[in-house]
């Protein structure tokens, strides 16, 4: 997930993002530090975070495509974001 990338680009602290999105600072920190698999984040959480930056949920999650079986392909499958 590209959460830290967008948050830093918007010059927001984790606290600012928490206040804007209604998502706890702890959950934001866990997502940014890779302690949460993007496939396991609740859709409502992703949508609320994406809206803060005016991007799609797919872009925020780093969706780059789809396998033949319909499963999504994520950037994180190939790259570790820090």
Protein backbone atom coordinates (compact mmCIF):
# COMPACT_ATOMS: atom_id res chain seq x y z
CA UNK A 1 0.00 0.00 0.00
CA UNK A 2 1.23 3.45 -0.88
CA UNK A 3 -0.17 5.12 2.22
CA UNK A 4 3.09 6.59 3.52
CA UNK A 5 3.95 7.82 0.02
CA UNK A 6 0.72 9.81 -0.28
CA UNK A 7 0.76 10.99 3.32
CA UNK A 8 4.29 12.35 2.96
CA UNK A 9 3.51 13.89 -0.45
CA UNK A 10 0.62 15.75 1.16
CA UNK A 11 2.92 16.70 4.08
CA UNK A 12 0.56 15.12 6.60
CA UNK A 13 1.49 13.56 9.90
CA UNK A 14 -0.05 10.27 10.91
CA UNK A 15 -2.13 12.26 13.39
CA UNK A 16 -3.39 14.58 10.64
CA UNK A 17 -4.37 11.59 8.52
CA UNK A 18 -6.07 9.95 11.48
CA UNK A 19 -8.14 13.06 12.13
CA UNK A 20 -9.03 13.43 8.43
CA UNK A 21 -9.95 9.80 7.86
CA UNK A 22 -11.27 8.65 11.22
CA UNK A 23 -8.77 5.76 11.14
CA UNK A 24 -6.70 5.27 14.28
CA UNK A 25 -3.06 6.34 14.31
CA UNK A 26 -2.12 2.81 15.35
CA UNK A 27 -3.86 1.29 12.33
CA UNK A 28 -2.22 3.84 10.02
CA UNK A 29 1.17 3.04 11.54
CA UNK A 30 0.59 -0.71 11.20
CA UNK A 31 -0.40 -0.34 7.53
CA UNK A 32 2.59 1.87 6.75
CA UNK A 33 5.02 -0.47 8.50
CA UNK A 34 3.74 -3.49 6.58
CA UNK A 35 2.28 -5.23 9.63
CA UNK A 36 -1.04 -5.55 7.79
CA UNK A 37 -1.41 -7.41 4.50
CA UNK A 38 -3.17 -5.12 2.02
CA UNK A 39 -5.51 -7.99 1.18
CA UNK A 40 -6.78 -7.99 4.77
CA UNK A 41 -7.56 -4.28 5.17
CA UNK A 42 -11.28 -3.62 5.38
CA UNK A 43 -12.67 -1.98 2.23
CA UNK A 44 -14.17 0.89 4.25
CA UNK A 45 -10.73 1.71 5.65
CA UNK A 46 -9.15 1.78 2.21
CA UNK A 47 -11.91 3.98 0.80
CA UNK A 48 -11.70 6.46 3.68
CA UNK A 49 -7.93 6.74 3.31
CA UNK A 50 -8.07 7.04 -0.49
CA UNK A 51 -10.63 9.85 -0.25
CA UNK A 52 -8.22 11.87 1.91
CA UNK A 53 -5.83 12.01 -1.05
CA UNK A 54 -8.33 12.08 -3.91
CA UNK A 55 -7.07 8.81 -5.37
CA UNK A 56 -8.75 5.51 -6.15
CA UNK A 57 -8.68 2.66 -3.69
CA UNK A 58 -6.84 0.60 -6.31
CA UNK A 59 -4.12 3.22 -6.67
CA UNK A 60 -3.69 3.57 -2.91
CA UNK A 61 -3.44 -0.19 -2.54
CA UNK A 62 -0.96 -0.45 -5.41
CA UNK A 63 -3.09 -2.63 -7.67
CA UNK A 64 -1.22 -3.07 -10.95
CA UNK A 65 -3.27 -5.71 -12.70
CA UNK A 66 -5.23 -8.91 -12.49
CA UNK A 67 -4.34 -12.56 -12.91
CA UNK A 68 -6.32 -14.74 -15.31
CA UNK A 69 -8.22 -16.16 -12.34
CA UNK A 70 -9.40 -12.69 -11.29
CA UNK A 71 -7.08 -12.22 -8.32
CA UNK A 72 -5.51 -8.79 -8.12
CA UNK A 73 -1.79 -8.17 -8.58
CA UNK A 74 -0.28 -5.68 -6.13
CA UNK A 75 2.95 -3.69 -6.37
CA UNK A 76 3.81 -5.06 -2.95
CA UNK A 77 3.99 -8.53 -4.52
CA UNK A 78 7.16 -7.26 -6.20
CA UNK A 79 8.36 -4.21 -4.23
CA UNK A 80 8.63 -3.59 -0.49
CA UNK A 81 7.54 0.00 0.26
CA UNK A 82 9.11 1.69 3.22
